[in-house]
Amino acid sequence: MAIVSTSTSAFYERARANMKDLRAQAESLQTQLGSGQKLSRSSDNPVAASRMRTLARLESLSTIDETNANRANADLSLADAAMSNMSNTIMRAQELATQAASTTLTDEQRAGIATELEQIHDDLYTLANSRDSTGHALFGGNNTGNAYELDASGNASYIGSDSSVDLPIGDGQSVTRSMTGKQIFNFTDANGNDTDVMATIKTLAAALAGGSSDPTGAANDALASLKTGLDTLTTSHTVVGTRLAWLDVVSERRTTLTELRSTEEADLGGTDIASTVAQLQQTLTVLEASQASFSKLSNLSLFNNLR
């Protein structure tokens, strides 16, 4: 009787264990279909899980790099727009200086030109103190306040730092988010003196307003300085445009790498819907058959054949 009892117990235990495994397998497949992930824990596939963690870290770093690149793009775009306005303003100053260089102008006409040049100086001062995407000085380097300030005589002087912030954009690369006021406006004139465009325009305005005995000569001198100043600004403007183009290249590369990581993640941990559905149907069929077989076998008895 003990042998029969043991055999019966073993039969039930094996059947129960087999059906439990089948149910667990079915539940696992259903979970994969619901979550879209075939790895529920690292032990399912340690190598794939390790690679998935690496890909997740790379994606997090890429997000940080993208944030920095977006800020750099915004600041450089603002700098590009401001420098375009500066170029137009300086070219207008050149036109006025050319007019003022004529010996046929009256003092009143030169005074009118001086008034417009003063306005141009003020416009350049405002543009020089433009703000970046975070509200800080766009052309002030690392400074958070203004890039320029006016002294008691109305002359603009640079109060920013000597360099702008470099922002990392991934793969060990970085981009400078703007230019400093000195890089944009400062140059060396024909006499070897360090000056800037705003000072040139301010000086010319004063000369035309009656501060010089030779306003025509002052206008001619200013023309040469304005040309050099515009060339300096144009060079800086070109640098900004080059940085914007480089950011576009980096952005395209980042997008490509993100797509490659997404594809690899899908291959490593993503659920193959068609294959998983087929496995689930097969597992459920086997489970149903096992349950039916167990039900029939458990109802069989030797005593039924002895009757």
C-alpha atoms as a PDB file:
ATOM      1  CA  MET A   1       0.000   0.000   0.000  1.00  0.00           C
ATOM      2  CA  ALA A   2       2.930   2.330   0.692  1.00  0.00           C
ATOM      3  CA  ILE A   3       4.239   1.741  -2.855  1.00  0.00           C
ATOM      4  CA  VAL A   4       0.908   2.694  -4.368  1.00  0.00           C
ATOM      5  CA  SER A   5       0.681   5.787  -2.174  1.00  0.00           C
ATOM      6  CA  THR A   6       4.184   6.870  -3.064  1.00  0.00           C
ATOM      7  CA  SER A   7       3.619   6.392  -6.791  1.00  0.00           C
ATOM      8  CA  THR A   8       0.353   8.302  -6.661  1.00  0.00           C
ATOM      9  CA  SER A   9       1.949  11.153  -4.741  1.00  0.00           C
ATOM     10  CA  ALA A  10       4.849  11.332  -7.204  1.00  0.00           C
ATOM     11  CA  PHE A  11       2.412  11.358 -10.125  1.00  0.00           C
ATOM     12  CA  TYR A  12       0.463  14.258  -8.681  1.00  0.00           C
ATOM     13  CA  GLU A  13       3.639  16.140  -7.753  1.00  0.00           C
ATOM     14  CA  ARG A  14       5.127  15.793 -11.237  1.00  0.00           C
ATOM     15  CA  ALA A  15       1.889  16.852 -12.873  1.00  0.00           C
ATOM     16  CA  ARG A  16       1.541  19.816 -10.549  1.00  0.00           C
ATOM     17  CA  ALA A  17       5.156  20.892 -11.164  1.00  0.00           C
ATOM     18  CA  ASN A  18       4.832  20.584 -14.942  1.00  0.00           C
ATOM     19  CA  MET A  19       1.623  22.628 -15.054  1.00  0.00           C
ATOM     20  CA  LYS A  20       3.129  25.200 -12.681  1.00  0.00           C
ATOM     21  CA  ASP A  21       6.109  25.624 -15.012  1.00  0.00           C
ATOM     22  CA  LEU A  22       3.807  25.965 -18.008  1.00  0.00           C
ATOM     23  CA  ARG A  23       1.681  28.584 -16.240  1.00  0.00           C
ATOM     24  CA  ALA A  24       4.824  30.524 -15.215  1.00  0.00           C
ATOM     25  CA  GLN A  25       6.077  30.400 -18.781  1.00  0.00           C
ATOM     26  CA  ALA A  26       2.720  31.636 -20.089  1.00  0.00           C
ATOM     27  CA  GLU A  27       2.652  34.463 -17.558  1.00  0.00           C
ATOM     28  CA  SER A  28       6.200  35.450 -18.504  1.00  0.00           C
ATOM     29  CA  LEU A  29       5.274  35.589 -22.184  1.00  0.00           C
ATOM     30  CA  GLN A  30       2.168  37.633 -21.402  1.00  0.00           C
ATOM     31  CA  THR A  31       4.291  40.051 -19.370  1.00  0.00           C
ATOM     32  CA  GLN A  32       6.712  40.403 -22.280  1.00  0.00           C
ATOM     33  CA  LEU A  33       3.831  41.217 -24.598  1.00  0.00           C
ATOM     34  CA  GLY A  34       2.435  43.768 -22.140  1.00  0.00           C
ATOM     35  CA  SER A  35       5.726  45.526 -21.361  1.00  0.00           C
ATOM     36  CA  GLY A  36       7.398  45.122 -24.708  1.00  0.00           C
ATOM     37  CA  GLN A  37      10.539  43.880 -22.922  1.00  0.00           C
ATOM     38  CA  LYS A  38      11.740  40.313 -22.832  1.00  0.00           C
ATOM     39  CA  LEU A  39      14.196  40.872 -19.955  1.00  0.00           C
ATOM     40  CA  SER A  40      12.403  41.218 -16.634  1.00  0.00           C
ATOM     41  CA  ARG A  41      15.578  40.778 -14.572  1.00  0.00           C
ATOM     42  CA  SER A  42      19.318  40.685 -15.195  1.00  0.00           C
ATOM     43  CA  SER A  43      19.534  36.933 -14.568  1.00  0.00           C
ATOM     44  CA  ASP A  44      17.409  36.299 -17.665  1.00  0.00           C
ATOM     45  CA  ASN A  45      20.419  37.220 -19.819  1.00  0.00           C
ATOM     46  CA  PRO A  46      23.339  38.773 -17.886  1.00  0.00           C
ATOM     47  CA  VAL A  47      25.311  39.758 -20.999  1.00  0.00           C
ATOM     48  CA  ALA A  48      22.349  41.441 -22.669  1.00  0.00           C
ATOM     49  CA  ALA A  49      21.334  43.111 -19.398  1.00  0.00           C
ATOM     50  CA  SER A  50      24.849  44.544 -18.983  1.00  0.00           C
ATOM     51  CA  ARG A  51      24.804  45.924 -22.497  1.00  0.00           C
ATOM     52  CA  MET A  52      21.350  47.398 -21.908  1.00  0.00           C
ATOM     53  CA  ARG A  53      22.640  49.253 -18.836  1.00  0.00           C
ATOM     54  CA  THR A  54      25.537  50.617 -20.884  1.00  0.00           C
ATOM     55  CA  LEU A  55      23.156  51.797 -23.584  1.00  0.00           C
ATOM     56  CA  ALA A  56      20.954  53.462 -20.941  1.00  0.00           C
ATOM     57  CA  ARG A  57      23.977  55.358 -19.541  1.00  0.00           C
ATOM     58  CA  LEU A  58      24.962  56.464 -23.039  1.00  0.00           C
ATOM     59  CA  GLU A  59      21.420  57.678 -23.643  1.00  0.00           C
ATOM     60  CA  SER A  60      21.462  59.680 -20.391  1.00  0.00           C
ATOM     61  CA  LEU A  61      24.771  61.295 -21.336  1.00  0.00           C
ATOM     62  CA  SER A  62      23.410  62.001 -24.809  1.00  0.00           C
ATOM     63  CA  THR A  63      20.435  63.792 -23.259  1.00  0.00           C
ATOM     64  CA  ILE A  64      22.787  66.032 -21.253  1.00  0.00           C
ATOM     65  CA  ASP A  65      24.879  66.732 -24.358  1.00  0.00           C
ATOM     66  CA  GLU A  66      21.733  67.544 -26.319  1.00  0.00           C
ATOM     67  CA  THR A  67      20.659  70.023 -23.640  1.00  0.00           C
ATOM     68  CA  ASN A  68      24.046  71.767 -23.831  1.00  0.00           C
ATOM     69  CA  ALA A  69      23.944  71.764 -27.626  1.00  0.00           C
ATOM     70  CA  ASN A  70      20.469  73.276 -27.616  1.00  0.00           C
ATOM     71  CA  ARG A  71      21.638  76.049 -25.299  1.00  0.00           C
ATOM     72  CA  ALA A  72      24.700  76.700 -27.452  1.00  0.00           C
ATOM     73  CA  ASN A  73      22.524  76.751 -30.553  1.00  0.00           C
ATOM     74  CA  ALA A  74      20.109  79.217 -28.948  1.00  0.00           C
ATOM     75  CA  ASP A  75      22.902  81.534 -27.764  1.00  0.00           C
ATOM     76  CA  LEU A  76      24.785  81.405 -31.060  1.00  0.00           C
ATOM     77  CA  SER A  77      21.558  82.089 -32.959  1.00  0.00           C
ATOM     78  CA  LEU A  78      20.952  85.126 -30.749  1.00  0.00           C
ATOM     79  CA  ALA A  79      24.551  86.249 -31.323  1.00  0.00           C
ATOM     80  CA  ASP A  80      24.146  85.739 -35.071  1.00  0.00           C
ATOM     81  CA  ALA A  81      21.028  87.920 -35.157  1.00  0.00           C
ATOM     82  CA  ALA A  82      22.582  90.630 -32.968  1.00  0.00           C
ATOM     83  CA  MET A  83      25.767  90.727 -35.047  1.00  0.00           C
ATOM     84  CA  SER A  84      23.734  91.049 -38.244  1.00  0.00           C
ATOM     85  CA  ASN A  85      22.101  94.136 -36.744  1.00  0.00           C
ATOM     86  CA  MET A  86      25.509  95.415 -35.649  1.00  0.00           C
ATOM     87  CA  SER A  87      26.845  95.050 -39.192  1.00  0.00           C
ATOM     88  CA  ASN A  88      23.934  97.000 -40.620  1.00  0.00           C
ATOM     89  CA  THR A  89      24.407  99.694 -37.972  1.00  0.00           C
ATOM     90  CA  ILE A  90      28.129 100.071 -38.669  1.00  0.00           C
ATOM     91  CA  MET A  91      27.504 100.228 -42.406  1.00  0.00           C
ATOM     92  CA  ARG A  92      25.071 103.073 -41.767  1.00  0.00           C
ATOM     93  CA  ALA A  93      27.805 104.783 -39.762  1.00  0.00           C
ATOM     94  CA  GLN A  94      30.120 104.377 -42.768  1.00  0.00           C
ATOM     95  CA  GLU A  95      27.542 106.017 -45.006  1.00  0.00           C
ATOM     96  CA  LEU A  96      27.265 108.937 -42.615  1.00  0.00           C
ATOM     97  CA  ALA A  97      31.052 109.241 -42.321  1.00  0.00           C
ATOM     98  CA  THR A  98      31.306 109.299 -46.120  1.00  0.00           C
ATOM     99  CA  GLN A  99      28.769 112.136 -46.215  1.00  0.00           C
ATOM    100  CA  ALA A 100      30.589 113.985 -43.448  1.00  0.00           C
ATOM    101  CA  ALA A 101      33.887 113.731 -45.365  1.00  0.00           C
ATOM    102  CA  SER A 102      32.459 116.014 -48.042  1.00  0.00           C
ATOM    103  CA  THR A 103      33.739 119.581 -47.890  1.00  0.00           C
ATOM    104  CA  THR A 104      30.434 120.910 -49.168  1.00  0.00           C
ATOM    105  CA  LEU A 105      28.474 120.189 -45.972  1.00  0.00           C
ATOM    106  CA  THR A 106      27.466 122.985 -43.639  1.00  0.00           C
ATOM    107  CA  ASP A 107      28.018 122.914 -39.892  1.00  0.00           C
ATOM    108  CA  GLU A 108      24.292 122.328 -39.376  1.00  0.00           C
ATOM    109  CA  GLN A 109      24.365 119.299 -41.680  1.00  0.00           C
ATOM    110  CA  ARG A 110      27.352 117.862 -39.864  1.00  0.00           C
ATOM    111  CA  ALA A 111      25.584 118.446 -36.557  1.00  0.00           C
ATOM    112  CA  GLY A 112      22.614 116.464 -37.892  1.00  0.00           C
ATOM    113  CA  ILE A 113      24.949 113.618 -38.858  1.00  0.00           C
ATOM    114  CA  ALA A 114      26.533 113.810 -35.397  1.00  0.00           C
ATOM    115  CA  THR A 115      23.102 113.365 -33.804  1.00  0.00           C
ATOM    116  CA  GLU A 116      22.433 110.220 -35.862  1.00  0.00           C
ATOM    117  CA  LEU A 117      25.893 108.876 -35.043  1.00  0.00           C
ATOM    118  CA  GLU A 118      25.147 109.333 -31.348  1.00  0.00           C
ATOM    119  CA  GLN A 119      22.001 107.260 -31.856  1.00  0.00           C
ATOM    120  CA  ILE A 120      24.033 104.624 -33.689  1.00  0.00           C
ATOM    121  CA  HIS A 121      26.452 104.526 -30.747  1.00  0.00           C
ATOM    122  CA  ASP A 122      23.534 103.978 -28.383  1.00  0.00           C
ATOM    123  CA  ASP A 123      22.116 101.233 -30.632  1.00  0.00           C
ATOM    124  CA  LEU A 124      25.463  99.413 -30.695  1.00  0.00           C
ATOM    125  CA  TYR A 125      25.709  99.750 -26.919  1.00  0.00           C
ATOM    126  CA  THR A 126      22.262  98.160 -26.548  1.00  0.00           C
ATOM    127  CA  LEU A 127      23.139  95.350 -28.961  1.00  0.00           C
ATOM    128  CA  ALA A 128      26.447  94.782 -27.156  1.00  0.00           C
ATOM    129  CA  ASN A 129      24.470  94.211 -23.947  1.00  0.00           C
ATOM    130  CA  SER A 130      22.121  91.670 -25.532  1.00  0.00           C
ATOM    131  CA  ARG A 131      21.045  88.764 -23.325  1.00  0.00           C
ATOM    132  CA  ASP A 132      21.521  85.067 -23.928  1.00  0.00           C
ATOM    133  CA  SER A 133      18.937  82.293 -23.535  1.00  0.00           C
ATOM    134  CA  THR A 134      19.362  82.348 -19.738  1.00  0.00           C
ATOM    135  CA  GLY A 135      19.124  86.123 -19.400  1.00  0.00           C
ATOM    136  CA  HIS A 136      22.862  86.700 -18.929  1.00  0.00           C
ATOM    137  CA  ALA A 137      25.205  88.871 -20.995  1.00  0.00           C
ATOM    138  CA  LEU A 138      25.467  87.382 -24.489  1.00  0.00           C
ATOM    139  CA  PHE A 139      28.755  89.104 -25.292  1.00  0.00           C
ATOM    140  CA  GLY A 140      30.083  89.424 -21.730  1.00  0.00           C
ATOM    141  CA  GLY A 141      31.993  86.136 -21.552  1.00  0.00           C
ATOM    142  CA  ASN A 142      31.484  84.520 -18.155  1.00  0.00           C
ATOM    143  CA  ASN A 143      29.851  87.599 -16.651  1.00  0.00           C
ATOM    144  CA  THR A 144      26.201  87.468 -15.685  1.00  0.00           C
ATOM    145  CA  GLY A 145      25.603  91.225 -15.846  1.00  0.00           C
ATOM    146  CA  ASN A 146      26.182  93.682 -18.685  1.00  0.00           C
ATOM    147  CA  ALA A 147      29.055  93.327 -21.100  1.00  0.00           C
ATOM    148  CA  TYR A 148      29.512  97.103 -21.378  1.00  0.00           C
ATOM    149  CA  GLU A 149      28.889 100.111 -19.178  1.00  0.00           C
ATOM    150  CA  LEU A 150      28.908 103.858 -19.855  1.00  0.00           C
ATOM    151  CA  ASP A 151      31.191 106.237 -18.024  1.00  0.00           C
ATOM    152  CA  ALA A 152      30.276 109.785 -17.004  1.00  0.00           C
ATOM    153  CA  SER A 153      31.066 111.042 -20.519  1.00  0.00           C
ATOM    154  CA  GLY A 154      28.887 108.421 -22.192  1.00  0.00           C
ATOM    155  CA  ASN A 155      31.788 106.302 -23.453  1.00  0.00           C
ATOM    156  CA  ALA A 156      31.214 102.535 -23.519  1.00  0.00           C
ATOM    157  CA  SER A 157      33.791 100.307 -21.851  1.00  0.00           C
ATOM    158  CA  TYR A 158      33.945  96.522 -21.733  1.00  0.00           C
ATOM    159  CA  ILE A 159      33.463  94.983 -18.268  1.00  0.00           C
ATOM    160  CA  GLY A 160      33.036  91.330 -19.216  1.00  0.00           C
ATOM    161  CA  SER A 161      35.537  88.486 -19.040  1.00  0.00           C
ATOM    162  CA  ASP A 162      38.108  87.623 -21.693  1.00  0.00           C
ATOM    163  CA  SER A 163      36.440  84.393 -22.825  1.00  0.00           C
ATOM    164  CA  SER A 164      33.013  82.849 -23.268  1.00  0.00           C
ATOM    165  CA  VAL A 165      31.717  79.623 -21.744  1.00  0.00           C
ATOM    166  CA  ASP A 166      32.531  76.341 -23.503  1.00  0.00           C
ATOM    167  CA  LEU A 167      29.692  73.819 -23.463  1.00  0.00           C
ATOM    168  CA  PRO A 168      30.409  70.069 -23.867  1.00  0.00           C
ATOM    169  CA  ILE A 169      28.387  68.513 -26.684  1.00  0.00           C
ATOM    170  CA  GLY A 170      29.573  64.900 -26.490  1.00  0.00           C
ATOM    171  CA  ASP A 171      32.507  62.684 -27.497  1.00  0.00           C
ATOM    172  CA  GLY A 172      34.970  65.023 -25.811  1.00  0.00           C
ATOM    173  CA  GLN A 173      33.907  67.942 -28.004  1.00  0.00           C
ATOM    174  CA  SER A 174      32.765  71.370 -26.876  1.00  0.00           C
ATOM    175  CA  VAL A 175      31.572  74.581 -28.486  1.00  0.00           C
ATOM    176  CA  THR A 176      31.909  78.182 -27.345  1.00  0.00           C
ATOM    177  CA  ARG A 177      28.414  79.574 -26.940  1.00  0.00           C
ATOM    178  CA  SER A 178      29.151  83.144 -28.111  1.00  0.00           C
ATOM    179  CA  MET A 179      31.837  85.789 -28.656  1.00  0.00           C
ATOM    180  CA  THR A 180      33.070  88.445 -26.251  1.00  0.00           C
ATOM    181  CA  GLY A 181      32.589  92.155 -26.835  1.00  0.00           C
ATOM    182  CA  LYS A 182      36.318  92.590 -27.311  1.00  0.00           C
ATOM    183  CA  GLN A 183      36.398  89.950 -30.034  1.00  0.00           C
ATOM    184  CA  ILE A 184      33.564  91.698 -31.843  1.00  0.00           C
ATOM    185  CA  PHE A 185      34.424  95.401 -31.516  1.00  0.00           C
ATOM    186  CA  ASN A 186      38.095  95.831 -30.621  1.00  0.00           C
ATOM    187  CA  PHE A 187      40.783  96.382 -33.258  1.00  0.00           C
ATOM    188  CA  THR A 188      44.044  98.259 -33.836  1.00  0.00           C
ATOM    189  CA  ASP A 189      43.699 101.455 -35.870  1.00  0.00           C
ATOM    190  CA  ALA A 190      46.079 102.831 -38.514  1.00  0.00           C
ATOM    191  CA  ASN A 191      48.157 104.552 -35.841  1.00  0.00           C
ATOM    192  CA  GLY A 192      48.654 101.322 -33.905  1.00  0.00           C
ATOM    193  CA  ASN A 193      46.247 102.255 -31.124  1.00  0.00           C
ATOM    194  CA  ASP A 194      43.843  99.778 -29.587  1.00  0.00           C
ATOM    195  CA  THR A 195      40.279 101.007 -29.977  1.00  0.00           C
ATOM    196  CA  ASP A 196      36.771  99.783 -30.784  1.00  0.00           C
ATOM    197  CA  VAL A 197      33.936 100.648 -33.139  1.00  0.00           C
ATOM    198  CA  MET A 198      31.795 102.366 -30.521  1.00  0.00           C
ATOM    199  CA  ALA A 199      34.675 104.636 -29.502  1.00  0.00           C
ATOM    200  CA  THR A 200      35.297 105.474 -33.184  1.00  0.00           C
ATOM    201  CA  ILE A 201      31.671 106.443 -33.735  1.00  0.00           C
ATOM    202  CA  LYS A 202      31.538 108.419 -30.470  1.00  0.00           C
ATOM    203  CA  THR A 203      34.681 110.349 -31.387  1.00  0.00           C
ATOM    204  CA  LEU A 204      33.410 111.103 -34.880  1.00  0.00           C
ATOM    205  CA  ALA A 205      30.069 112.310 -33.527  1.00  0.00           C
ATOM    206  CA  ALA A 206      31.868 114.707 -31.162  1.00  0.00           C
ATOM    207  CA  ALA A 207      34.098 115.993 -33.976  1.00  0.00           C
ATOM    208  CA  LEU A 208      31.132 116.672 -36.262  1.00  0.00           C
ATOM    209  CA  ALA A 209      29.249 118.400 -33.453  1.00  0.00           C
ATOM    210  CA  GLY A 210      31.976 121.039 -33.255  1.00  0.00           C
ATOM    211  CA  GLY A 211      34.640 119.295 -31.235  1.00  0.00           C
ATOM    212  CA  SER A 212      37.217 119.321 -34.050  1.00  0.00           C
ATOM    213  CA  SER A 213      38.740 122.051 -36.187  1.00  0.00           C
ATOM    214  CA  ASP A 214      38.957 119.614 -39.087  1.00  0.00           C
ATOM    215  CA  PRO A 215      35.677 117.627 -39.166  1.00  0.00           C
ATOM    216  CA  THR A 216      36.347 116.508 -42.753  1.00  0.00           C
ATOM    217  CA  GLY A 217      39.681 114.982 -41.757  1.00  0.00           C
ATOM    218  CA  ALA A 218      38.069 113.359 -38.720  1.00  0.00           C
ATOM    219  CA  ALA A 219      35.456 111.785 -40.993  1.00  0.00           C
ATOM    220  CA  ASN A 220      38.139 110.426 -43.339  1.00  0.00           C
ATOM    221  CA  ASP A 221      40.066 108.957 -40.400  1.00  0.00           C
ATOM    222  CA  ALA A 222      36.874 107.407 -39.062  1.00  0.00           C
ATOM    223  CA  LEU A 223      36.134 105.756 -42.422  1.00  0.00           C
ATOM    224  CA  ALA A 224      39.345 103.750 -42.261  1.00  0.00           C
ATOM    225  CA  SER A 225      38.681 102.732 -38.665  1.00  0.00           C
ATOM    226  CA  LEU A 226      35.056 101.829 -39.412  1.00  0.00           C
ATOM    227  CA  LYS A 227      36.181  99.575 -42.267  1.00  0.00           C
ATOM    228  CA  THR A 228      38.623  97.789 -39.980  1.00  0.00           C
ATOM    229  CA  GLY A 229      35.975  97.543 -37.288  1.00  0.00           C
ATOM    230  CA  LEU A 230      33.438  96.087 -39.724  1.00  0.00           C
ATOM    231  CA  ASP A 231      36.022  93.557 -40.944  1.00  0.00           C
ATOM    232  CA  THR A 232      36.641  92.518 -37.335  1.00  0.00           C
ATOM    233  CA  LEU A 233      32.921  92.095 -36.722  1.00  0.00           C
ATOM    234  CA  THR A 234      32.512  90.162 -39.974  1.00  0.00           C
ATOM    235  CA  THR A 235      35.267  87.757 -38.955  1.00  0.00           C
ATOM    236  CA  SER A 236      33.591  87.124 -35.612  1.00  0.00           C
ATOM    237  CA  HIS A 237      30.242  86.733 -37.343  1.00  0.00           C
ATOM    238  CA  THR A 238      31.753  84.086 -39.610  1.00  0.00           C
ATOM    239  CA  VAL A 239      33.062  82.195 -36.590  1.00  0.00           C
ATOM    240  CA  VAL A 240      29.579  82.188 -35.071  1.00  0.00           C
ATOM    241  CA  GLY A 241      28.108  80.880 -38.323  1.00  0.00           C
ATOM    242  CA  THR A 242      30.732  78.129 -38.456  1.00  0.00           C
ATOM    243  CA  ARG A 243      29.869  77.053 -34.916  1.00  0.00           C
ATOM    244  CA  LEU A 244      26.170  76.907 -35.773  1.00  0.00           C
ATOM    245  CA  ALA A 245      26.954  74.733 -38.808  1.00  0.00           C
ATOM    246  CA  TRP A 246      29.100  72.456 -36.628  1.00  0.00           C
ATOM    247  CA  LEU A 247      26.251  72.074 -34.148  1.00  0.00           C
ATOM    248  CA  ASP A 248      24.015  70.932 -37.009  1.00  0.00           C
ATOM    249  CA  VAL A 249      26.561  68.261 -37.934  1.00  0.00           C
ATOM    250  CA  VAL A 250      26.872  67.115 -34.311  1.00  0.00           C
ATOM    251  CA  SER A 251      23.080  67.055 -33.949  1.00  0.00           C
ATOM    252  CA  GLU A 252      22.695  64.835 -37.015  1.00  0.00           C
ATOM    253  CA  ARG A 253      25.365  62.477 -35.701  1.00  0.00           C
ATOM    254  CA  ARG A 254      23.685  62.366 -32.267  1.00  0.00           C
ATOM    255  CA  THR A 255      20.371  61.519 -33.904  1.00  0.00           C
ATOM    256  CA  THR A 256      22.002  58.702 -35.868  1.00  0.00           C
ATOM    257  CA  LEU A 257      23.659  57.271 -32.744  1.00  0.00           C
ATOM    258  CA  THR A 258      20.375  57.504 -30.824  1.00  0.00           C
ATOM    259  CA  GLU A 259      18.620  55.541 -33.551  1.00  0.00           C
ATOM    260  CA  LEU A 260      21.381  52.910 -33.515  1.00  0.00           C
ATOM    261  CA  ARG A 261      21.111  52.580 -29.730  1.00  0.00           C
ATOM    262  CA  SER A 262      17.337  52.265 -29.956  1.00  0.00           C
ATOM    263  CA  THR A 263      17.702  49.521 -32.555  1.00  0.00           C
ATOM    264  CA  GLU A 264      20.243  47.660 -30.435  1.00  0.00           C
ATOM    265  CA  GLU A 265      18.070  48.001 -27.329  1.00  0.00           C
ATOM    266  CA  ALA A 266      15.109  46.624 -29.259  1.00  0.00           C
ATOM    267  CA  ASP A 267      17.186  43.692 -30.493  1.00  0.00           C
ATOM    268  CA  LEU A 268      18.593  42.926 -27.047  1.00  0.00           C
ATOM    269  CA  GLY A 269      15.625  43.512 -24.779  1.00  0.00           C
ATOM    270  CA  GLY A 270      12.638  44.192 -26.970  1.00  0.00           C
ATOM    271  CA  THR A 271       9.860  41.668 -27.439  1.00  0.00           C
ATOM    272  CA  ASP A 272       9.441  40.034 -30.841  1.00  0.00           C
ATOM    273  CA  ILE A 273       5.655  40.249 -30.938  1.00  0.00           C
ATOM    274  CA  ALA A 274       5.029  37.603 -33.599  1.00  0.00           C
ATOM    275  CA  SER A 275       7.410  35.067 -32.087  1.00  0.00           C
ATOM    276  CA  THR A 276       6.212  35.704 -28.540  1.00  0.00           C
ATOM    277  CA  VAL A 277       2.539  35.363 -29.490  1.00  0.00           C
ATOM    278  CA  ALA A 278       3.303  32.050 -31.211  1.00  0.00           C
ATOM    279  CA  GLN A 279       5.186  30.814 -28.130  1.00  0.00           C
ATOM    280  CA  LEU A 280       2.341  31.902 -25.870  1.00  0.00           C
ATOM    281  CA  GLN A 281      -0.242  30.084 -27.962  1.00  0.00           C
ATOM    282  CA  GLN A 282       1.912  26.967 -27.994  1.00  0.00           C
ATOM    283  CA  THR A 283       2.444  27.132 -24.238  1.00  0.00           C
ATOM    284  CA  LEU A 284      -1.261  27.611 -23.544  1.00  0.00           C
ATOM    285  CA  THR A 285      -2.090  24.695 -25.850  1.00  0.00           C
ATOM    286  CA  VAL A 286       0.402  22.447 -24.052  1.00  0.00           C
ATOM    287  CA  LEU A 287      -0.920  23.607 -20.684  1.00  0.00           C
ATOM    288  CA  GLU A 288      -4.500  22.909 -21.695  1.00  0.00           C
ATOM    289  CA  ALA A 289      -3.528  19.469 -22.993  1.00  0.00           C
ATOM    290  CA  SER A 290      -1.579  18.731 -19.810  1.00  0.00           C
ATOM    291  CA  GLN A 291      -4.543  19.711 -17.673  1.00  0.00           C
ATOM    292  CA  ALA A 292      -6.871  17.527 -19.745  1.00  0.00           C
ATOM    293  CA  SER A 293      -4.484  14.572 -19.615  1.00  0.00           C
ATOM    294  CA  PHE A 294      -4.005  14.945 -15.882  1.00  0.00           C
ATOM    295  CA  SER A 295      -7.759  15.032 -15.354  1.00  0.00           C
ATOM    296  CA  LYS A 296      -8.272  11.827 -17.285  1.00  0.00           C
ATOM    297  CA  LEU A 297      -5.312   9.988 -15.787  1.00  0.00           C
ATOM    298  CA  SER A 298      -6.194  10.973 -12.247  1.00  0.00           C
ATOM    299  CA  ASN A 299      -9.616   9.403 -12.671  1.00  0.00           C
ATOM    300  CA  LEU A 300      -8.203   6.038 -13.725  1.00  0.00           C
ATOM    301  CA  SER A 301      -8.117   3.266 -11.106  1.00  0.00           C
ATOM    302  CA  LEU A 302      -6.974  -0.338 -11.128  1.00  0.00           C
ATOM    303  CA  PHE A 303     -10.158  -1.255  -9.327  1.00  0.00           C
ATOM    304  CA  ASN A 304     -12.169  -0.160 -12.389  1.00  0.00           C
ATOM    305  CA  ASN A 305     -10.504  -2.930 -14.383  1.00  0.00           C
ATOM    306  CA  LEU A 306     -11.103  -5.574 -11.669  1.00  0.00           C
ATOM    307  CA  ARG A 307     -14.865  -5.236 -11.804  1.00  0.00           C
END
